[in-house]
Amino acid sequence: MGRAYGPVRGLFNLALLLPFAALLAWSQVASAAPTAPKLLLLGDSLTAGYGLPPAEGFVAQLRDGLRTRGLSPDVIDGGVSGDTTAGGLARIDWLLAEKPTHAVVSLGANDALRGLPPEQAYNNLDAMLTKLEQAGVEVLLTGMYAPPNLGADYGRAFSDIYKRLAEKHDVPLYPFFLDGVARDPALNQADGIHPNAKGVEIMVERLMPHVVSLLNGAAG
């Protein structure tokens, strides 16, 4: 076969280059495309939806509520019934392996129920928030109140740890995870501690604006 000269050779070279150019352009677009956020919900039985069908629990209701607002993050269910702040700290590295971009941290209720030292809960949460910060995760911290039977001094000391942590780590704070639900028999299960489906609905409704702000980069 003879050599291709002039315009013919140019067209031949162009035909070879076009597929490579198209592949390069596609790879650049793919790399520039934003990835879906991954939202870690780190908590205890209140997050895990204790006593409720999965579809009525906190994780599912929050996910559904976000979808109605046009937000569809990958949600990582990090709720473990009975977990304390020490338990959350023990598994934070495993959860970070899931590469979350955002996190709602809701731990401390079981520390208070057991009357554990508030400073111990502070130190555990402080270590968790530090690890999340180092991983580049945007965090919303939710607070918890201690049961009144533990006394006013303990209650003040416990609720104060969340304010201190929010200030130290410069993260937004939702003061009380059970706001509008705690101690209302109509919104809780028979144990008086865990919300029923309606209670979870109210929790999600009140927390939702803060989670939306977190995902939109406006929190804090």
N, C-alpha and C. Protein backbone atom coordinates (compact mmCIF):
# COMPACT_ATOMS: atom_id res chain seq x y z
N MET A 1 0.85 -1.19 0.00
CA MET A 1 0.00 0.00 0.00
C MET A 1 0.88 1.23 0.00
N GLY A 2 0.52 2.23 -0.81
CA GLY A 2 1.34 3.43 -0.90
C GLY A 2 1.14 4.33 0.30
N ARG A 3 2.03 5.31 0.42
CA ARG A 3 1.93 6.24 1.53
C ARG A 3 0.79 7.22 1.33
N ALA A 4 0.21 7.72 2.49
CA ALA A 4 -0.82 8.75 2.40
C ALA A 4 -0.16 10.11 2.51
N TYR A 5 -0.43 10.98 1.55
CA TYR A 5 0.19 12.30 1.52
C TYR A 5 -0.86 13.39 1.64
N GLY A 6 -0.38 14.58 2.06
CA GLY A 6 -1.22 15.78 2.04
C GLY A 6 -2.48 15.62 2.86
N PRO A 7 -3.61 16.09 2.30
CA PRO A 7 -4.88 16.07 3.04
C PRO A 7 -5.29 14.67 3.49
N VAL A 8 -4.98 13.69 2.66
CA VAL A 8 -5.38 12.32 3.02
C VAL A 8 -4.70 11.88 4.30
N ARG A 9 -3.39 12.17 4.40
CA ARG A 9 -2.66 11.78 5.59
C ARG A 9 -3.16 12.55 6.81
N GLY A 10 -3.50 13.83 6.62
CA GLY A 10 -4.02 14.62 7.72
C GLY A 10 -5.33 14.08 8.24
N LEU A 11 -6.21 13.68 7.34
CA LEU A 11 -7.49 13.11 7.77
C LEU A 11 -7.30 11.80 8.51
N PHE A 12 -6.31 11.03 8.04
CA PHE A 12 -6.03 9.75 8.67
C PHE A 12 -5.56 9.96 10.12
N ASN A 13 -4.66 10.95 10.31
CA ASN A 13 -4.16 11.24 11.66
C ASN A 13 -5.27 11.78 12.55
N LEU A 14 -6.15 12.61 11.97
CA LEU A 14 -7.26 13.16 12.74
C LEU A 14 -8.20 12.06 13.21
N ALA A 15 -8.44 11.10 12.32
CA ALA A 15 -9.31 9.99 12.67
C ALA A 15 -8.74 9.18 13.83
N LEU A 16 -7.42 9.10 13.91
CA LEU A 16 -6.79 8.39 15.02
C LEU A 16 -6.86 9.18 16.32
N LEU A 17 -6.77 10.51 16.22
CA LEU A 17 -6.71 11.33 17.42
C LEU A 17 -8.07 11.59 18.05
N LEU A 18 -9.12 11.61 17.24
CA LEU A 18 -10.44 11.96 17.76
C LEU A 18 -10.91 11.08 18.91
N PRO A 19 -10.78 9.74 18.82
CA PRO A 19 -11.21 8.91 19.96
C PRO A 19 -10.47 9.21 21.24
N PHE A 20 -9.15 9.50 21.11
CA PHE A 20 -8.36 9.81 22.30
C PHE A 20 -8.78 11.16 22.89
N ALA A 21 -9.07 12.13 22.03
CA ALA A 21 -9.52 13.44 22.49
C ALA A 21 -10.86 13.32 23.21
N ALA A 22 -11.74 12.51 22.65
CA ALA A 22 -13.06 12.33 23.27
C ALA A 22 -12.92 11.65 24.63
N LEU A 23 -12.03 10.65 24.72
CA LEU A 23 -11.82 9.96 25.99
C LEU A 23 -11.25 10.90 27.04
N LEU A 24 -10.31 11.77 26.61
CA LEU A 24 -9.71 12.73 27.53
C LEU A 24 -10.76 13.71 28.04
N ALA A 25 -11.60 14.22 27.13
CA ALA A 25 -12.64 15.16 27.52
C ALA A 25 -13.62 14.52 28.48
N TRP A 26 -13.99 13.26 28.23
CA TRP A 26 -14.93 12.56 29.11
C TRP A 26 -14.33 12.37 30.49
N SER A 27 -13.05 12.03 30.57
CA SER A 27 -12.42 11.81 31.87
C SER A 27 -12.34 13.09 32.67
N GLN A 28 -12.12 14.23 31.96
CA GLN A 28 -12.07 15.50 32.65
C GLN A 28 -13.44 15.88 33.21
N VAL A 29 -14.48 15.64 32.44
CA VAL A 29 -15.83 15.93 32.90
C VAL A 29 -16.20 15.04 34.08
N ALA A 30 -15.85 13.76 33.98
CA ALA A 30 -16.17 12.81 35.05
C ALA A 30 -15.47 13.19 36.35
N SER A 31 -14.20 13.61 36.24
CA SER A 31 -13.46 13.96 37.44
C SER A 31 -13.98 15.25 38.05
N ALA A 32 -14.54 16.13 37.21
CA ALA A 32 -15.04 17.41 37.71
C ALA A 32 -16.45 17.29 38.28
N ALA A 33 -17.16 16.21 37.94
CA ALA A 33 -18.54 16.05 38.40
C ALA A 33 -18.57 15.88 39.92
N PRO A 34 -19.44 16.62 40.62
CA PRO A 34 -19.50 16.51 42.08
C PRO A 34 -20.00 15.14 42.51
N THR A 35 -19.40 14.64 43.57
CA THR A 35 -19.84 13.35 44.11
C THR A 35 -20.93 13.60 45.14
N ALA A 36 -21.82 12.63 45.31
CA ALA A 36 -22.91 12.77 46.27
C ALA A 36 -22.33 12.81 47.68
N PRO A 37 -22.84 13.70 48.53
CA PRO A 37 -22.37 13.72 49.92
C PRO A 37 -22.72 12.43 50.63
N LYS A 38 -21.92 12.09 51.63
CA LYS A 38 -22.18 10.91 52.45
C LYS A 38 -22.40 11.39 53.88
N LEU A 39 -23.59 11.18 54.38
CA LEU A 39 -23.99 11.69 55.68
C LEU A 39 -23.95 10.58 56.73
N LEU A 40 -23.07 10.72 57.68
CA LEU A 40 -22.96 9.77 58.79
C LEU A 40 -23.86 10.22 59.93
N LEU A 41 -24.74 9.32 60.37
CA LEU A 41 -25.58 9.57 61.54
C LEU A 41 -25.01 8.73 62.68
N LEU A 42 -24.24 9.37 63.53
CA LEU A 42 -23.52 8.68 64.60
C LEU A 42 -24.27 8.85 65.91
N GLY A 43 -24.81 7.75 66.44
CA GLY A 43 -25.59 7.87 67.65
C GLY A 43 -25.86 6.56 68.34
N ASP A 44 -26.86 6.59 69.20
CA ASP A 44 -27.22 5.41 70.00
C ASP A 44 -28.60 4.90 69.57
N SER A 45 -29.40 4.41 70.52
CA SER A 45 -30.71 3.85 70.17
C SER A 45 -31.67 4.88 69.60
N LEU A 46 -31.48 6.16 69.94
CA LEU A 46 -32.35 7.21 69.40
C LEU A 46 -32.12 7.36 67.90
N THR A 47 -30.89 7.16 67.48
CA THR A 47 -30.57 7.17 66.05
C THR A 47 -30.94 5.85 65.41
N ALA A 48 -30.70 4.75 66.12
CA ALA A 48 -30.94 3.42 65.57
C ALA A 48 -32.42 3.09 65.42
N GLY A 49 -33.30 3.87 66.06
CA GLY A 49 -34.74 3.61 65.94
C GLY A 49 -35.19 2.44 66.79
N TYR A 50 -34.69 2.37 68.01
CA TYR A 50 -35.05 1.27 68.92
C TYR A 50 -36.56 1.12 69.03
N GLY A 51 -37.04 -0.14 68.89
CA GLY A 51 -38.44 -0.46 69.08
C GLY A 51 -39.35 -0.10 67.92
N LEU A 52 -38.78 0.35 66.81
CA LEU A 52 -39.58 0.77 65.66
C LEU A 52 -39.22 -0.03 64.42
N PRO A 53 -40.16 -0.22 63.51
CA PRO A 53 -39.81 -0.80 62.21
C PRO A 53 -38.80 0.12 61.52
N PRO A 54 -37.90 -0.45 60.72
CA PRO A 54 -36.87 0.38 60.07
C PRO A 54 -37.43 1.59 59.34
N ALA A 55 -38.56 1.45 58.69
CA ALA A 55 -39.12 2.55 57.90
C ALA A 55 -39.61 3.70 58.76
N GLU A 56 -39.79 3.47 60.08
CA GLU A 56 -40.30 4.50 60.96
C GLU A 56 -39.21 5.08 61.86
N GLY A 57 -37.99 4.55 61.75
CA GLY A 57 -36.90 5.01 62.60
C GLY A 57 -36.34 6.35 62.15
N PHE A 58 -35.41 6.87 62.95
CA PHE A 58 -34.83 8.18 62.69
C PHE A 58 -34.11 8.24 61.36
N VAL A 59 -33.31 7.24 61.06
CA VAL A 59 -32.51 7.26 59.83
C VAL A 59 -33.41 7.31 58.60
N ALA A 60 -34.42 6.45 58.56
CA ALA A 60 -35.30 6.40 57.40
C ALA A 60 -36.12 7.68 57.27
N GLN A 61 -36.65 8.18 58.38
CA GLN A 61 -37.46 9.39 58.31
C GLN A 61 -36.63 10.60 57.91
N LEU A 62 -35.40 10.67 58.39
CA LEU A 62 -34.54 11.78 57.99
C LEU A 62 -34.18 11.68 56.52
N ARG A 63 -33.84 10.48 56.05
CA ARG A 63 -33.52 10.28 54.64
C ARG A 63 -34.70 10.67 53.75
N ASP A 64 -35.89 10.23 54.14
CA ASP A 64 -37.07 10.56 53.34
C ASP A 64 -37.35 12.06 53.34
N GLY A 65 -37.16 12.69 54.49
CA GLY A 65 -37.37 14.13 54.57
C GLY A 65 -36.40 14.92 53.72
N LEU A 66 -35.16 14.47 53.67
CA LEU A 66 -34.16 15.13 52.83
C LEU A 66 -34.51 14.99 51.35
N ARG A 67 -35.00 13.82 50.97
CA ARG A 67 -35.37 13.60 49.57
C ARG A 67 -36.50 14.52 49.14
N THR A 68 -37.46 14.77 50.02
CA THR A 68 -38.55 15.68 49.67
C THR A 68 -38.05 17.10 49.49
N ARG A 69 -36.86 17.38 49.99
CA ARG A 69 -36.27 18.70 49.84
C ARG A 69 -35.20 18.73 48.76
N GLY A 70 -35.16 17.68 47.95
CA GLY A 70 -34.24 17.64 46.83
C GLY A 70 -32.83 17.26 47.19
N LEU A 71 -32.62 16.68 48.37
CA LEU A 71 -31.28 16.27 48.80
C LEU A 71 -31.26 14.75 48.96
N SER A 72 -30.27 14.12 48.34
CA SER A 72 -30.21 12.66 48.37
C SER A 72 -28.80 12.19 48.73
N PRO A 73 -28.32 12.50 49.93
CA PRO A 73 -27.00 12.01 50.31
C PRO A 73 -27.03 10.51 50.57
N ASP A 74 -25.87 9.88 50.42
CA ASP A 74 -25.73 8.51 50.88
C ASP A 74 -25.70 8.56 52.41
N VAL A 75 -26.63 7.88 53.05
CA VAL A 75 -26.74 7.95 54.51
C VAL A 75 -26.09 6.72 55.13
N ILE A 76 -25.18 6.96 56.06
CA ILE A 76 -24.50 5.89 56.78
C ILE A 76 -25.15 5.78 58.16
N ASP A 77 -25.78 4.65 58.42
CA ASP A 77 -26.46 4.43 59.70
C ASP A 77 -25.44 4.03 60.75
N GLY A 78 -25.07 4.99 61.58
CA GLY A 78 -24.10 4.73 62.64
C GLY A 78 -24.74 4.71 64.01
N GLY A 79 -26.01 4.30 64.07
CA GLY A 79 -26.70 4.21 65.36
C GLY A 79 -26.57 2.82 65.96
N VAL A 80 -26.17 2.74 67.22
CA VAL A 80 -26.03 1.47 67.94
C VAL A 80 -26.73 1.60 69.28
N SER A 81 -27.75 0.80 69.51
CA SER A 81 -28.50 0.85 70.76
C SER A 81 -27.60 0.58 71.95
N GLY A 82 -27.75 1.39 72.98
CA GLY A 82 -26.97 1.23 74.19
C GLY A 82 -25.60 1.87 74.15
N ASP A 83 -25.25 2.47 73.04
CA ASP A 83 -23.90 3.01 72.90
C ASP A 83 -23.69 4.24 73.76
N THR A 84 -22.52 4.34 74.34
CA THR A 84 -22.08 5.52 75.09
C THR A 84 -21.10 6.31 74.22
N THR A 85 -20.63 7.43 74.75
CA THR A 85 -19.61 8.18 74.01
C THR A 85 -18.33 7.36 73.87
N ALA A 86 -18.04 6.53 74.86
CA ALA A 86 -16.86 5.67 74.76
C ALA A 86 -17.03 4.68 73.62
N GLY A 87 -18.24 4.13 73.47
CA GLY A 87 -18.49 3.21 72.37
C GLY A 87 -18.37 3.89 71.02
N GLY A 88 -18.88 5.12 70.93
CA GLY A 88 -18.76 5.86 69.68
C GLY A 88 -17.31 6.12 69.31
N LEU A 89 -16.51 6.48 70.30
CA LEU A 89 -15.09 6.71 70.05
C LEU A 89 -14.39 5.42 69.60
N ALA A 90 -14.81 4.29 70.18
CA ALA A 90 -14.17 3.01 69.84
C ALA A 90 -14.43 2.60 68.40
N ARG A 91 -15.52 3.08 67.80
CA ARG A 91 -15.83 2.67 66.43
C ARG A 91 -15.73 3.79 65.40
N ILE A 92 -15.24 4.97 65.80
CA ILE A 92 -15.21 6.10 64.87
C ILE A 92 -14.27 5.84 63.69
N ASP A 93 -13.15 5.17 63.93
CA ASP A 93 -12.21 4.91 62.83
C ASP A 93 -12.84 3.98 61.79
N TRP A 94 -13.60 3.01 62.26
CA TRP A 94 -14.28 2.09 61.34
C TRP A 94 -15.31 2.84 60.52
N LEU A 95 -16.03 3.77 61.14
CA LEU A 95 -17.02 4.54 60.42
C LEU A 95 -16.37 5.51 59.43
N LEU A 96 -15.23 6.06 59.79
CA LEU A 96 -14.53 6.97 58.89
C LEU A 96 -14.03 6.25 57.64
N ALA A 97 -13.86 4.95 57.72
CA ALA A 97 -13.47 4.18 56.54
C ALA A 97 -14.54 4.24 55.46
N GLU A 98 -15.77 4.60 55.84
CA GLU A 98 -16.86 4.75 54.88
C GLU A 98 -16.77 6.08 54.12
N LYS A 99 -15.80 6.93 54.48
CA LYS A 99 -15.55 8.21 53.82
C LYS A 99 -16.75 9.17 53.87
N PRO A 100 -17.29 9.42 55.04
CA PRO A 100 -18.39 10.40 55.11
C PRO A 100 -17.87 11.80 54.81
N THR A 101 -18.74 12.62 54.26
CA THR A 101 -18.40 14.03 54.04
C THR A 101 -19.05 14.92 55.10
N HIS A 102 -20.14 14.44 55.70
CA HIS A 102 -20.87 15.17 56.72
C HIS A 102 -21.28 14.19 57.82
N ALA A 103 -21.52 14.73 59.01
CA ALA A 103 -21.91 13.86 60.12
C ALA A 103 -22.80 14.61 61.11
N VAL A 104 -23.80 13.89 61.61
CA VAL A 104 -24.60 14.36 62.74
C VAL A 104 -24.21 13.48 63.92
N VAL A 105 -23.63 14.08 64.94
CA VAL A 105 -23.14 13.33 66.11
C VAL A 105 -24.14 13.50 67.24
N SER A 106 -24.74 12.39 67.66
CA SER A 106 -25.81 12.42 68.67
C SER A 106 -25.55 11.36 69.73
N LEU A 107 -24.56 11.59 70.54
CA LEU A 107 -24.20 10.64 71.59
C LEU A 107 -24.15 11.33 72.95
N GLY A 108 -24.36 10.54 73.98
CA GLY A 108 -24.29 11.05 75.34
C GLY A 108 -25.48 10.67 76.20
N ALA A 109 -26.59 10.28 75.58
CA ALA A 109 -27.79 9.94 76.36
C ALA A 109 -27.51 8.81 77.34
N ASN A 110 -26.81 7.78 76.90
CA ASN A 110 -26.56 6.64 77.78
C ASN A 110 -25.51 6.96 78.84
N ASP A 111 -24.60 7.88 78.56
CA ASP A 111 -23.68 8.35 79.60
C ASP A 111 -24.48 8.97 80.73
N ALA A 112 -25.45 9.83 80.36
CA ALA A 112 -26.26 10.51 81.37
C ALA A 112 -27.14 9.53 82.13
N LEU A 113 -27.76 8.58 81.43
CA LEU A 113 -28.62 7.61 82.09
C LEU A 113 -27.85 6.77 83.10
N ARG A 114 -26.57 6.56 82.83
CA ARG A 114 -25.74 5.77 83.74
C ARG A 114 -25.03 6.64 84.78
N GLY A 115 -25.23 7.94 84.69
CA GLY A 115 -24.60 8.84 85.65
C GLY A 115 -23.09 8.90 85.52
N LEU A 116 -22.58 8.68 84.31
CA LEU A 116 -21.14 8.72 84.10
C LEU A 116 -20.64 10.17 84.18
N PRO A 117 -19.38 10.36 84.55
CA PRO A 117 -18.85 11.72 84.70
C PRO A 117 -18.99 12.54 83.41
N PRO A 118 -19.55 13.74 83.49
CA PRO A 118 -19.67 14.57 82.28
C PRO A 118 -18.34 14.82 81.59
N GLU A 119 -17.28 14.97 82.37
CA GLU A 119 -15.98 15.25 81.74
C GLU A 119 -15.49 14.06 80.93
N GLN A 120 -15.88 12.88 81.32
CA GLN A 120 -15.53 11.69 80.54
C GLN A 120 -16.23 11.73 79.19
N ALA A 121 -17.50 12.08 79.18
CA ALA A 121 -18.24 12.22 77.92
C ALA A 121 -17.63 13.32 77.07
N TYR A 122 -17.24 14.42 77.71
CA TYR A 122 -16.60 15.52 76.99
C TYR A 122 -15.33 15.03 76.27
N ASN A 123 -14.49 14.32 76.99
CA ASN A 123 -13.23 13.86 76.41
C ASN A 123 -13.46 12.91 75.24
N ASN A 124 -14.44 12.03 75.38
CA ASN A 124 -14.73 11.08 74.29
C ASN A 124 -15.25 11.82 73.06
N LEU A 125 -16.19 12.73 73.26
CA LEU A 125 -16.73 13.49 72.13
C LEU A 125 -15.67 14.40 71.52
N ASP A 126 -14.82 14.95 72.37
CA ASP A 126 -13.73 15.80 71.89
C ASP A 126 -12.82 15.02 70.95
N ALA A 127 -12.49 13.79 71.33
CA ALA A 127 -11.64 12.95 70.48
C ALA A 127 -12.34 12.58 69.18
N MET A 128 -13.65 12.31 69.25
CA MET A 128 -14.41 11.99 68.03
C MET A 128 -14.45 13.18 67.08
N LEU A 129 -14.74 14.34 67.61
CA LEU A 129 -14.82 15.54 66.76
C LEU A 129 -13.45 15.86 66.15
N THR A 130 -12.41 15.62 66.89
CA THR A 130 -11.06 15.84 66.35
C THR A 130 -10.79 14.91 65.18
N LYS A 131 -11.16 13.66 65.30
CA LYS A 131 -10.95 12.71 64.21
C LYS A 131 -11.79 13.09 62.99
N LEU A 132 -13.03 13.49 63.22
CA LEU A 132 -13.89 13.91 62.10
C LEU A 132 -13.32 15.15 61.42
N GLU A 133 -12.84 16.09 62.23
CA GLU A 133 -12.25 17.30 61.68
C GLU A 133 -11.01 16.99 60.84
N GLN A 134 -10.16 16.11 61.35
CA GLN A 134 -8.95 15.74 60.61
C GLN A 134 -9.28 15.04 59.30
N ALA A 135 -10.43 14.37 59.24
CA ALA A 135 -10.85 13.69 58.01
C ALA A 135 -11.62 14.63 57.07
N GLY A 136 -11.77 15.89 57.46
CA GLY A 136 -12.45 16.84 56.60
C GLY A 136 -13.95 16.71 56.60
N VAL A 137 -14.53 16.12 57.65
CA VAL A 137 -15.97 15.90 57.72
C VAL A 137 -16.64 17.11 58.36
N GLU A 138 -17.71 17.62 57.73
CA GLU A 138 -18.49 18.71 58.29
C GLU A 138 -19.47 18.12 59.32
N VAL A 139 -19.51 18.72 60.51
CA VAL A 139 -20.24 18.11 61.63
C VAL A 139 -21.34 19.01 62.16
N LEU A 140 -22.47 18.39 62.49
CA LEU A 140 -23.52 18.99 63.30
C LEU A 140 -23.57 18.20 64.60
N LEU A 141 -23.37 18.89 65.72
CA LEU A 141 -23.39 18.25 67.03
C LEU A 141 -24.75 18.46 67.67
N THR A 142 -25.34 17.39 68.19
CA THR A 142 -26.61 17.52 68.90
C THR A 142 -26.37 17.27 70.39
N GLY A 143 -27.01 18.09 71.20
CA GLY A 143 -26.83 17.98 72.64
C GLY A 143 -27.85 17.06 73.29
N MET A 144 -27.61 16.81 74.57
CA MET A 144 -28.51 15.94 75.34
C MET A 144 -28.59 16.49 76.76
N TYR A 145 -29.76 16.35 77.39
CA TYR A 145 -29.95 16.73 78.79
C TYR A 145 -29.93 15.48 79.66
N ALA A 146 -29.45 15.64 80.86
CA ALA A 146 -29.43 14.53 81.81
C ALA A 146 -30.79 14.39 82.48
N PRO A 147 -31.14 13.18 82.93
CA PRO A 147 -32.40 13.00 83.66
C PRO A 147 -32.42 13.87 84.92
N PRO A 148 -33.58 14.45 85.26
CA PRO A 148 -33.64 15.37 86.40
C PRO A 148 -33.31 14.72 87.73
N ASN A 149 -33.48 13.40 87.83
CA ASN A 149 -33.22 12.74 89.11
C ASN A 149 -31.75 12.73 89.49
N LEU A 150 -30.87 13.11 88.55
CA LEU A 150 -29.43 13.15 88.85
C LEU A 150 -29.01 14.47 89.49
N GLY A 151 -29.94 15.38 89.62
CA GLY A 151 -29.64 16.63 90.29
C GLY A 151 -29.29 17.76 89.34
N ALA A 152 -29.52 18.98 89.82
CA ALA A 152 -29.31 20.17 88.98
C ALA A 152 -27.84 20.37 88.63
N ASP A 153 -26.94 20.12 89.57
CA ASP A 153 -25.51 20.33 89.30
C ASP A 153 -25.02 19.40 88.19
N TYR A 154 -25.41 18.13 88.30
CA TYR A 154 -25.01 17.18 87.25
C TYR A 154 -25.64 17.59 85.92
N GLY A 155 -26.91 17.98 85.93
CA GLY A 155 -27.59 18.37 84.70
C GLY A 155 -26.91 19.54 84.02
N ARG A 156 -26.53 20.56 84.79
CA ARG A 156 -25.85 21.72 84.20
C ARG A 156 -24.49 21.33 83.64
N ALA A 157 -23.76 20.53 84.40
CA ALA A 157 -22.43 20.12 83.95
C ALA A 157 -22.50 19.29 82.67
N PHE A 158 -23.55 18.46 82.59
CA PHE A 158 -23.66 17.59 81.42
C PHE A 158 -24.05 18.38 80.19
N SER A 159 -25.07 19.21 80.28
CA SER A 159 -25.50 19.96 79.10
C SER A 159 -24.42 20.93 78.65
N ASP A 160 -23.59 21.38 79.58
CA ASP A 160 -22.54 22.35 79.26
C ASP A 160 -21.46 21.77 78.37
N ILE A 161 -21.26 20.44 78.42
CA ILE A 161 -20.16 19.87 77.63
C ILE A 161 -20.39 20.10 76.14
N TYR A 162 -21.62 20.13 75.71
CA TYR A 162 -21.91 20.29 74.28
C TYR A 162 -21.62 21.72 73.82
N LYS A 163 -21.93 22.69 74.67
CA LYS A 163 -21.60 24.07 74.34
C LYS A 163 -20.09 24.26 74.24
N ARG A 164 -19.37 23.68 75.17
CA ARG A 164 -17.92 23.79 75.16
C ARG A 164 -17.33 23.14 73.91
N LEU A 165 -17.85 21.97 73.57
CA LEU A 165 -17.34 21.26 72.39
C LEU A 165 -17.63 22.03 71.10
N ALA A 166 -18.85 22.58 71.00
CA ALA A 166 -19.20 23.34 69.79
C ALA A 166 -18.30 24.55 69.63
N GLU A 167 -17.99 25.22 70.73
CA GLU A 167 -17.11 26.38 70.67
C GLU A 167 -15.68 25.98 70.34
N LYS A 168 -15.20 24.92 70.96
CA LYS A 168 -13.82 24.49 70.73
C LYS A 168 -13.59 24.07 69.28
N HIS A 169 -14.55 23.32 68.72
CA HIS A 169 -14.37 22.77 67.37
C HIS A 169 -15.05 23.62 66.29
N ASP A 170 -15.69 24.70 66.70
CA ASP A 170 -16.35 25.61 65.77
C ASP A 170 -17.33 24.85 64.88
N VAL A 171 -18.21 24.09 65.53
CA VAL A 171 -19.25 23.35 64.80
C VAL A 171 -20.62 23.81 65.30
N PRO A 172 -21.65 23.72 64.45
CA PRO A 172 -22.99 24.10 64.90
C PRO A 172 -23.53 23.12 65.92
N LEU A 173 -24.32 23.64 66.84
CA LEU A 173 -24.89 22.83 67.92
C LEU A 173 -26.41 22.92 67.88
N TYR A 174 -27.04 21.75 67.84
CA TYR A 174 -28.49 21.65 68.05
C TYR A 174 -28.65 21.24 69.50
N PRO A 175 -29.14 22.12 70.37
CA PRO A 175 -28.99 21.93 71.82
C PRO A 175 -29.55 20.65 72.40
N PHE A 176 -30.71 20.16 71.89
CA PHE A 176 -31.34 19.00 72.53
C PHE A 176 -31.93 18.10 71.46
N PHE A 177 -31.37 16.93 71.32
CA PHE A 177 -31.78 15.99 70.27
C PHE A 177 -33.25 15.61 70.39
N LEU A 178 -33.77 15.56 71.62
CA LEU A 178 -35.16 15.15 71.85
C LEU A 178 -36.09 16.35 72.05
N ASP A 179 -35.71 17.49 71.53
CA ASP A 179 -36.51 18.69 71.68
C ASP A 179 -37.94 18.47 71.17
N GLY A 180 -38.92 18.82 72.01
CA GLY A 180 -40.32 18.68 71.64
C GLY A 180 -40.90 17.30 71.83
N VAL A 181 -40.06 16.36 72.26
CA VAL A 181 -40.50 14.96 72.36
C VAL A 181 -40.32 14.39 73.77
N ALA A 182 -39.24 14.76 74.43
CA ALA A 182 -38.92 14.18 75.74
C ALA A 182 -40.05 14.39 76.74
N ARG A 183 -40.37 13.34 77.49
CA ARG A 183 -41.32 13.35 78.61
C ARG A 183 -42.77 13.56 78.17
N ASP A 184 -43.03 13.41 76.88
CA ASP A 184 -44.42 13.48 76.40
C ASP A 184 -44.89 12.06 76.13
N PRO A 185 -45.80 11.52 76.95
CA PRO A 185 -46.24 10.13 76.77
C PRO A 185 -46.81 9.83 75.39
N ALA A 186 -47.42 10.82 74.77
CA ALA A 186 -48.03 10.60 73.45
C ALA A 186 -46.98 10.44 72.35
N LEU A 187 -45.75 10.83 72.64
CA LEU A 187 -44.70 10.81 71.62
C LEU A 187 -43.61 9.79 71.92
N ASN A 188 -43.80 9.02 72.99
CA ASN A 188 -42.78 8.05 73.39
C ASN A 188 -43.37 6.65 73.54
N GLN A 189 -42.50 5.68 73.47
CA GLN A 189 -42.90 4.30 73.68
C GLN A 189 -43.17 4.07 75.17
N ALA A 190 -43.56 2.86 75.50
CA ALA A 190 -43.98 2.55 76.88
C ALA A 190 -42.86 2.78 77.89
N ASP A 191 -41.60 2.70 77.47
CA ASP A 191 -40.49 2.89 78.41
C ASP A 191 -40.30 4.36 78.79
N GLY A 192 -40.98 5.25 78.07
CA GLY A 192 -40.87 6.68 78.37
C GLY A 192 -39.56 7.31 77.96
N ILE A 193 -38.72 6.57 77.27
CA ILE A 193 -37.39 7.05 76.88
C ILE A 193 -37.25 7.17 75.38
N HIS A 194 -37.73 6.15 74.67
CA HIS A 194 -37.53 6.09 73.22
C HIS A 194 -38.76 6.61 72.48
N PRO A 195 -38.56 7.50 71.54
CA PRO A 195 -39.70 8.06 70.80
C PRO A 195 -40.42 7.00 69.97
N ASN A 196 -41.74 7.19 69.84
CA ASN A 196 -42.49 6.37 68.89
C ASN A 196 -42.37 7.01 67.51
N ALA A 197 -43.07 6.47 66.54
CA ALA A 197 -42.93 6.97 65.16
C ALA A 197 -43.29 8.45 65.06
N LYS A 198 -44.35 8.88 65.77
CA LYS A 198 -44.73 10.28 65.75
C LYS A 198 -43.67 11.15 66.41
N GLY A 199 -43.09 10.64 67.49
CA GLY A 199 -42.02 11.37 68.16
C GLY A 199 -40.82 11.56 67.25
N VAL A 200 -40.45 10.50 66.53
CA VAL A 200 -39.34 10.60 65.59
C VAL A 200 -39.66 11.62 64.49
N GLU A 201 -40.91 11.62 64.07
CA GLU A 201 -41.32 12.58 63.04
C GLU A 201 -41.07 14.02 63.50
N ILE A 202 -41.38 14.30 64.76
CA ILE A 202 -41.16 15.64 65.30
C ILE A 202 -39.67 15.92 65.44
N MET A 203 -38.90 14.94 65.90
CA MET A 203 -37.45 15.10 65.97
C MET A 203 -36.87 15.49 64.62
N VAL A 204 -37.28 14.76 63.59
CA VAL A 204 -36.77 15.00 62.24
C VAL A 204 -37.21 16.37 61.74
N GLU A 205 -38.47 16.72 62.00
CA GLU A 205 -38.99 18.02 61.55
C GLU A 205 -38.19 19.17 62.15
N ARG A 206 -37.86 19.07 63.43
CA ARG A 206 -37.15 20.16 64.10
C ARG A 206 -35.67 20.19 63.75
N LEU A 207 -35.10 19.03 63.53
CA LEU A 207 -33.68 18.96 63.20
C LEU A 207 -33.41 19.25 61.72
N MET A 208 -34.41 19.04 60.88
CA MET A 208 -34.22 19.09 59.43
C MET A 208 -33.55 20.38 58.93
N PRO A 209 -33.98 21.57 59.34
CA PRO A 209 -33.33 22.77 58.80
C PRO A 209 -31.82 22.80 59.07
N HIS A 210 -31.42 22.24 60.20
CA HIS A 210 -30.00 22.24 60.56
C HIS A 210 -29.21 21.25 59.71
N VAL A 211 -29.83 20.11 59.40
CA VAL A 211 -29.17 19.13 58.53
C VAL A 211 -29.09 19.65 57.10
N VAL A 212 -30.14 20.31 56.64
CA VAL A 212 -30.13 20.89 55.31
C VAL A 212 -29.02 21.94 55.20
N SER A 213 -28.90 22.78 56.23
CA SER A 213 -27.84 23.78 56.24
C SER A 213 -26.46 23.13 56.24
N LEU A 214 -26.34 22.05 56.99
CA LEU A 214 -25.06 21.32 57.02
C LEU A 214 -24.69 20.82 55.63
N LEU A 215 -25.63 20.18 54.95
CA LEU A 215 -25.36 19.62 53.63
C LEU A 215 -25.14 20.70 52.58
N ASN A 216 -25.76 21.86 52.78
CA ASN A 216 -25.60 22.95 51.82
C ASN A 216 -24.40 23.82 52.12
N GLY A 217 -23.66 23.45 53.17
CA GLY A 217 -22.45 24.21 53.50
C GLY A 217 -22.71 25.50 54.23
N ALA A 218 -23.91 25.66 54.79
CA ALA A 218 -24.25 26.91 55.47
C ALA A 218 -24.22 26.77 56.97
N ALA A 219 -24.02 25.55 57.48
CA ALA A 219 -24.05 25.35 58.92
C ALA A 219 -22.88 26.07 59.59
N GLY A 220 -23.15 26.60 60.76
CA GLY A 220 -22.09 27.24 61.54
C GLY A 220 -21.76 28.61 61.03
